[in-house]
C-alpha atoms as a PDB file:
ATOM      1  CA  MET A   1      33.516   4.011  27.525  1.00  0.00           C
ATOM      2  CA  ALA A   2      31.786   1.789  24.754  1.00  0.00           C
ATOM      3  CA  GLU A   3      28.567   3.582  26.177  1.00  0.00           C
ATOM      4  CA  LEU A   4      29.845   7.327  24.989  1.00  0.00           C
ATOM      5  CA  PHE A   5      30.550   6.342  21.216  1.00  0.00           C
ATOM      6  CA  PRO A   6      27.153   6.814  19.357  1.00  0.00           C
ATOM      7  CA  LYS A   7      27.023   3.440  17.483  1.00  0.00           C
ATOM      8  CA  GLU A   8      23.739   4.237  16.488  1.00  0.00           C
ATOM      9  CA  HIS A   9      24.698   7.553  14.832  1.00  0.00           C
ATOM     10  CA  VAL A  10      27.712   5.875  13.055  1.00  0.00           C
ATOM     11  CA  VAL A  11      25.372   3.114  11.542  1.00  0.00           C
ATOM     12  CA  GLY A  12      22.627   5.480  10.518  1.00  0.00           C
ATOM     13  CA  PHE A  13      25.839   7.659   8.641  1.00  0.00           C
ATOM     14  CA  ILE A  14      27.148   4.721   7.211  1.00  0.00           C
ATOM     15  CA  GLY A  15      23.544   3.649   6.184  1.00  0.00           C
ATOM     16  CA  SER A  16      23.007   7.021   4.732  1.00  0.00           C
ATOM     17  CA  LEU A  17      26.029   7.126   2.758  1.00  0.00           C
ATOM     18  CA  VAL A  18      25.337   3.747   0.988  1.00  0.00           C
ATOM     19  CA  LEU A  19      21.727   4.606   0.552  1.00  0.00           C
ATOM     20  CA  THR A  20      22.953   7.999  -1.450  1.00  0.00           C
ATOM     21  CA  PHE A  21      25.499   5.926  -3.648  1.00  0.00           C
ATOM     22  CA  ALA A  22      22.604   3.977  -4.618  1.00  0.00           C
ATOM     23  CA  ALA A  23      20.828   6.579  -5.721  1.00  0.00           C
ATOM     24  CA  LEU A  24      23.626   8.150  -7.314  1.00  0.00           C
ATOM     25  CA  SER A  25      23.796   4.856  -9.404  1.00  0.00           C
ATOM     26  CA  VAL A  26      20.887   6.049 -11.232  1.00  0.00           C
ATOM     27  CA  VAL A  27      22.656   8.288 -12.811  1.00  0.00           C
ATOM     28  CA  TRP A  28      26.385   7.060 -12.946  1.00  0.00           C
ATOM     29  CA  LEU A  29      24.894   3.709 -14.538  1.00  0.00           C
ATOM     30  CA  ASP A  30      22.443   5.383 -16.934  1.00  0.00           C
ATOM     31  CA  VAL A  31      19.286   2.988 -15.994  1.00  0.00           C
ATOM     32  CA  SER A  32      15.797   3.190 -17.824  1.00  0.00           C
ATOM     33  CA  MET A  33      13.530   5.569 -16.564  1.00  0.00           C
ATOM     34  CA  VAL A  34      11.544   3.204 -14.803  1.00  0.00           C
ATOM     35  CA  VAL A  35      14.327   1.632 -13.063  1.00  0.00           C
ATOM     36  CA  GLY A  36      15.715   4.551 -11.991  1.00  0.00           C
ATOM     37  CA  MET A  37      12.326   6.016 -10.730  1.00  0.00           C
ATOM     38  CA  ILE A  38      12.175   2.434  -8.712  1.00  0.00           C
ATOM     39  CA  ILE A  39      15.584   2.623  -7.133  1.00  0.00           C
ATOM     40  CA  LEU A  40      15.090   6.332  -6.246  1.00  0.00           C
ATOM     41  CA  LEU A  41      11.599   5.788  -4.848  1.00  0.00           C
ATOM     42  CA  VAL A  42      13.068   2.732  -2.838  1.00  0.00           C
ATOM     43  CA  THR A  43      16.254   4.340  -1.716  1.00  0.00           C
ATOM     44  CA  ALA A  44      14.323   7.654  -0.578  1.00  0.00           C
ATOM     45  CA  LEU A  45      12.090   5.929   1.708  1.00  0.00           C
ATOM     46  CA  ILE A  46      14.660   3.472   3.569  1.00  0.00           C
ATOM     47  CA  GLN A  47      16.661   6.682   3.938  1.00  0.00           C
ATOM     48  CA  ALA A  48      13.649   8.614   5.752  1.00  0.00           C
ATOM     49  CA  ALA A  49      13.343   6.147   7.771  1.00  0.00           C
ATOM     50  CA  VAL A  50      16.842   5.473   8.795  1.00  0.00           C
ATOM     51  CA  GLN A  51      16.948   9.387   9.284  1.00  0.00           C
ATOM     52  CA  LEU A  52      13.500   9.048  11.426  1.00  0.00           C
ATOM     53  CA  MET A  53      14.560   6.305  13.591  1.00  0.00           C
ATOM     54  CA  LEU A  54      18.326   6.514  13.903  1.00  0.00           C
ATOM     55  CA  PHE A  55      18.904  10.389  14.156  1.00  0.00           C
ATOM     56  CA  MET A  56      15.510  11.875  15.057  1.00  0.00           C
ATOM     57  CA  HIS A  57      14.472   8.871  17.626  1.00  0.00           C
ATOM     58  CA  ILE A  58      10.986   8.902  16.700  1.00  0.00           C
ATOM     59  CA  GLY A  59      10.287   4.961  18.330  1.00  0.00           C
ATOM     60  CA  GLU A  60      11.817   6.226  21.809  1.00  0.00           C
ATOM     61  CA  THR A  61       9.121   8.051  23.167  1.00  0.00           C
ATOM     62  CA  ASP A  62       6.038   6.899  25.251  1.00  0.00           C
ATOM     63  CA  ASP A  63       4.354   9.491  22.872  1.00  0.00           C
ATOM     64  CA  LYS A  64       3.850   7.730  19.647  1.00  0.00           C
ATOM     65  CA  VAL A  65       0.427   9.184  18.549  1.00  0.00           C
ATOM     66  CA  ASP A  66       1.574  12.938  18.360  1.00  0.00           C
ATOM     67  CA  ILE A  67       5.030  11.524  16.728  1.00  0.00           C
ATOM     68  CA  TRP A  68       3.145   9.944  14.039  1.00  0.00           C
ATOM     69  CA  VAL A  69       0.648  12.956  13.611  1.00  0.00           C
ATOM     70  CA  ALA A  70       3.460  15.279  13.134  1.00  0.00           C
ATOM     71  CA  THR A  71       4.888  13.009  10.416  1.00  0.00           C
ATOM     72  CA  LEU A  72       1.996  12.538   8.697  1.00  0.00           C
ATOM     73  CA  PHE A  73       1.227  16.308   8.960  1.00  0.00           C
ATOM     74  CA  ALA A  74       4.734  17.148   7.420  1.00  0.00           C
ATOM     75  CA  PHE A  75       4.216  14.300   4.819  1.00  0.00           C
ATOM     76  CA  GLY A  76       1.005  15.785   3.667  1.00  0.00           C
ATOM     77  CA  ILE A  77       3.159  19.365   3.364  1.00  0.00           C
ATOM     78  CA  GLY A  78       5.483  17.636   1.291  1.00  0.00           C
ATOM     79  CA  ILE A  79       2.722  16.199  -0.903  1.00  0.00           C
ATOM     80  CA  VAL A  80       1.143  19.973  -1.267  1.00  0.00           C
ATOM     81  CA  THR A  81       4.628  21.486  -1.700  1.00  0.00           C
ATOM     82  CA  ILE A  82       5.384  19.242  -4.652  1.00  0.00           C
ATOM     83  CA  ILE A  83       1.763  19.082  -6.256  1.00  0.00           C
ATOM     84  CA  GLY A  84       1.882  22.832  -6.098  1.00  0.00           C
ATOM     85  CA  SER A  85       5.301  22.964  -7.736  1.00  0.00           C
ATOM     86  CA  LEU A  86       4.440  20.549 -10.481  1.00  0.00           C
ATOM     87  CA  LEU A  87       0.911  22.876 -11.086  1.00  0.00           C
ATOM     88  CA  ALA A  88       3.101  26.089 -11.396  1.00  0.00           C
ATOM     89  CA  MET A  89       6.228  24.996 -13.097  1.00  0.00           C
ATOM     90  CA  VAL A  90       4.977  22.016 -15.539  1.00  0.00           C
ATOM     91  CA  TRP A  91       1.846  22.300 -16.081  1.00  0.00           C
ATOM     92  CA  GLY A  92       1.686  26.245 -16.012  1.00  0.00           C
ATOM     93  CA  TYR A  93      -1.492  26.952 -13.573  1.00  0.00           C
END
């Protein structure tokens, strides 16, 4: 019965909740801009790692090159989307 219990998923879910509340603490505690951005960046990176490792099982395949290429491609698309949004909405281009 122990092998049927999704222990890794529960640990990932609890970890995600803890990281979400850590990020929310930036708003609740009204910290400075620099400290808030550092907390948000760190929690976002850890959250992404938790999601990739525990829920998307990125480390469980033998074909690591394709997984990392797809991950880097998705990261690049995200960066282009963010920069494009900033160009259009903030900088007025």
